[in-house]
Structures are given as C-alpha cells and as structure tokens.
Amino acid sequence: MLPTALVEKYRHELYDADGEIVKYEIDFTNDGIWDHTTTEPGSVNYTYEETSYDGNIEADFIAVLQVTDDDNRTSNDTKEISVLPSLTD
C-alpha cells in the first residue's frame, strides 16, 4: 500500500482582495508539472507513485500551490510533505 498525502487548509488562507481566485493548481512533487487543476477550492488527495520514493524510507516532497485570479495574476505557496513508509505490505 502506498502512502497518501493530503493537502488541506489552503482554502482557508486564500483570498483576492480586489476580485476572486479563478484557478488552483498543485504540483505535488515540484517537478514543474501541475498534478491537479481546478476552479474550486478544497482538499485534494494525492498518492505518491512507487517510483517517486523508496518505500522503505521516509521521503520529503515540496508541494507547490499556484492560484490565478480574475486579473490573470498568479501567486505561489509551498508546503513540505513527509511521506512515511507503509506499516503494512
């Protein structure tokens, strides 16, 4: 069984003072490829692929959240995610 990382609380911290956020993008492995894109705030489940880490050790990833507002301006935030080895095989 592969560990699952849950990204949450972003929706509670985001706002656009002069309009609204129209797009949310998340890159869970900081490889420049958006793994999740949506127009709605909320929580996202992401399962790290076996090839992304050695399942026998802890691995740390930097997740990147980018939001785009209705004026097409963007802002990024990062969050460190620790993936622990599975306790069951």
C-alpha atoms as a PDB file:
ATOM      1  CA  MET A   1       0.000   0.000   0.000  1.00  0.00           C
ATOM      2  CA  LEU A   2       1.384   3.411  -0.962  1.00  0.00           C
ATOM      3  CA  PRO A   3       1.139   6.364   1.428  1.00  0.00           C
ATOM      4  CA  THR A   4      -1.333   9.123   0.603  1.00  0.00           C
ATOM      5  CA  ALA A   5      -0.572  12.777   1.223  1.00  0.00           C
ATOM      6  CA  LEU A   6      -3.481  15.090   1.887  1.00  0.00           C
ATOM      7  CA  VAL A   7      -3.120  18.777   1.114  1.00  0.00           C
ATOM      8  CA  GLU A   8      -5.576  20.865   3.086  1.00  0.00           C
ATOM      9  CA  LYS A   9      -6.071  24.260   4.743  1.00  0.00           C
ATOM     10  CA  TYR A  10      -5.028  26.177   1.614  1.00  0.00           C
ATOM     11  CA  ARG A  11      -8.632  27.184   1.011  1.00  0.00           C
ATOM     12  CA  HIS A  12      -8.796  28.808   4.438  1.00  0.00           C
ATOM     13  CA  GLU A  13      -5.820  31.057   3.727  1.00  0.00           C
ATOM     14  CA  LEU A  14      -6.561  32.241   0.188  1.00  0.00           C
ATOM     15  CA  TYR A  15      -8.394  35.329  -0.939  1.00  0.00           C
ATOM     16  CA  ASP A  16      -8.188  38.003  -3.599  1.00  0.00           C
ATOM     17  CA  ALA A  17      -8.721  41.487  -2.196  1.00  0.00           C
ATOM     18  CA  ASP A  18      -9.885  43.007  -5.490  1.00  0.00           C
ATOM     19  CA  GLY A  19     -11.700  40.107  -7.139  1.00  0.00           C
ATOM     20  CA  GLU A  20     -11.723  36.341  -6.990  1.00  0.00           C
ATOM     21  CA  ILE A  21      -9.468  33.335  -7.443  1.00  0.00           C
ATOM     22  CA  VAL A  22     -10.407  31.533 -10.651  1.00  0.00           C
ATOM     23  CA  LYS A  23      -7.864  28.674 -10.810  1.00  0.00           C
ATOM     24  CA  TYR A  24      -5.995  26.470  -8.324  1.00  0.00           C
ATOM     25  CA  GLU A  25      -3.057  24.318  -9.460  1.00  0.00           C
ATOM     26  CA  ILE A  26      -0.999  21.907  -7.347  1.00  0.00           C
ATOM     27  CA  ASP A  27       2.333  20.297  -8.209  1.00  0.00           C
ATOM     28  CA  PHE A  28       2.850  17.649  -5.514  1.00  0.00           C
ATOM     29  CA  THR A  29       6.442  16.746  -6.478  1.00  0.00           C
ATOM     30  CA  ASN A  30       7.778  20.169  -7.510  1.00  0.00           C
ATOM     31  CA  ASP A  31       8.712  18.854 -10.963  1.00  0.00           C
ATOM     32  CA  GLY A  32       7.045  21.697 -12.877  1.00  0.00           C
ATOM     33  CA  ILE A  33       4.010  19.622 -13.896  1.00  0.00           C
ATOM     34  CA  TRP A  34       0.643  20.502 -12.354  1.00  0.00           C
ATOM     35  CA  ASP A  35      -0.805  17.309 -10.862  1.00  0.00           C
ATOM     36  CA  HIS A  36      -4.186  18.849 -10.063  1.00  0.00           C
ATOM     37  CA  THR A  37      -6.045  21.832 -11.565  1.00  0.00           C
ATOM     38  CA  THR A  38      -9.464  23.083 -10.528  1.00  0.00           C
ATOM     39  CA  THR A  39     -11.603  26.201 -10.371  1.00  0.00           C
ATOM     40  CA  GLU A  40     -12.983  25.289  -6.925  1.00  0.00           C
ATOM     41  CA  PRO A  41     -11.182  25.496  -3.550  1.00  0.00           C
ATOM     42  CA  GLY A  42     -10.974  22.395  -1.402  1.00  0.00           C
ATOM     43  CA  SER A  43      -8.850  19.486  -0.260  1.00  0.00           C
ATOM     44  CA  VAL A  44      -7.061  17.116  -2.606  1.00  0.00           C
ATOM     45  CA  ASN A  45      -5.821  13.550  -2.090  1.00  0.00           C
ATOM     46  CA  TYR A  46      -2.633  12.584  -3.877  1.00  0.00           C
ATOM     47  CA  THR A  47      -0.925   9.187  -3.879  1.00  0.00           C
ATOM     48  CA  TYR A  48       2.821   9.267  -4.447  1.00  0.00           C
ATOM     49  CA  GLU A  49       3.859   6.725  -7.065  1.00  0.00           C
ATOM     50  CA  GLU A  50       6.237   3.980  -6.030  1.00  0.00           C
ATOM     51  CA  THR A  51       8.870   5.302  -8.434  1.00  0.00           C
ATOM     52  CA  SER A  52       8.816   8.700  -6.664  1.00  0.00           C
ATOM     53  CA  TYR A  53      10.420   7.414  -3.476  1.00  0.00           C
ATOM     54  CA  ASP A  54      11.974   4.353  -1.883  1.00  0.00           C
ATOM     55  CA  GLY A  55       9.070   2.811   0.049  1.00  0.00           C
ATOM     56  CA  ASN A  56      11.408   1.640   2.820  1.00  0.00           C
ATOM     57  CA  ILE A  57      12.424   5.111   3.974  1.00  0.00           C
ATOM     58  CA  GLU A  58      10.821   8.439   4.732  1.00  0.00           C
ATOM     59  CA  ALA A  59      10.732  10.859   1.808  1.00  0.00           C
ATOM     60  CA  ASP A  60      10.145  14.606   1.781  1.00  0.00           C
ATOM     61  CA  PHE A  61       8.497  16.449  -1.080  1.00  0.00           C
ATOM     62  CA  ILE A  62       7.783  20.110  -1.703  1.00  0.00           C
ATOM     63  CA  ALA A  63       4.248  20.682  -2.977  1.00  0.00           C
ATOM     64  CA  VAL A  64       3.578  23.903  -4.874  1.00  0.00           C
ATOM     65  CA  LEU A  65       0.190  25.594  -4.951  1.00  0.00           C
ATOM     66  CA  GLN A  66      -0.401  28.271  -7.583  1.00  0.00           C
ATOM     67  CA  VAL A  67      -3.539  30.368  -7.713  1.00  0.00           C
ATOM     68  CA  THR A  68      -4.665  32.616 -10.547  1.00  0.00           C
ATOM     69  CA  ASP A  69      -7.072  35.492 -10.011  1.00  0.00           C
ATOM     70  CA  ASP A  70      -9.604  37.095 -12.331  1.00  0.00           C
ATOM     71  CA  ASP A  71      -6.969  39.639 -13.448  1.00  0.00           C
ATOM     72  CA  ASN A  72      -4.718  36.711 -14.544  1.00  0.00           C
ATOM     73  CA  ARG A  73      -2.233  37.418 -11.742  1.00  0.00           C
ATOM     74  CA  THR A  74      -0.648  34.390 -10.060  1.00  0.00           C
ATOM     75  CA  SER A  75       0.735  33.660  -6.621  1.00  0.00           C
ATOM     76  CA  ASN A  76       2.543  30.558  -5.329  1.00  0.00           C
ATOM     77  CA  ASP A  77       2.866  28.895  -1.953  1.00  0.00           C
ATOM     78  CA  THR A  78       4.844  25.810  -0.957  1.00  0.00           C
ATOM     79  CA  LYS A  79       4.318  23.129   1.655  1.00  0.00           C
ATOM     80  CA  GLU A  80       6.721  20.379   2.753  1.00  0.00           C
ATOM     81  CA  ILE A  81       5.107  16.945   2.800  1.00  0.00           C
ATOM     82  CA  SER A  82       6.728  13.958   4.543  1.00  0.00           C
ATOM     83  CA  VAL A  83       5.796  10.523   3.241  1.00  0.00           C
ATOM     84  CA  LEU A  84       6.386   7.758   5.778  1.00  0.00           C
ATOM     85  CA  PRO A  85       6.919   4.085   4.930  1.00  0.00           C
ATOM     86  CA  SER A  86       3.823   1.937   4.897  1.00  0.00           C
ATOM     87  CA  LEU A  87       3.281  -0.116   8.043  1.00  0.00           C
ATOM     88  CA  THR A  88       1.586  -2.871   6.047  1.00  0.00           C
ATOM     89  CA  ASP A  89       2.794  -4.671   2.954  1.00  0.00           C
END
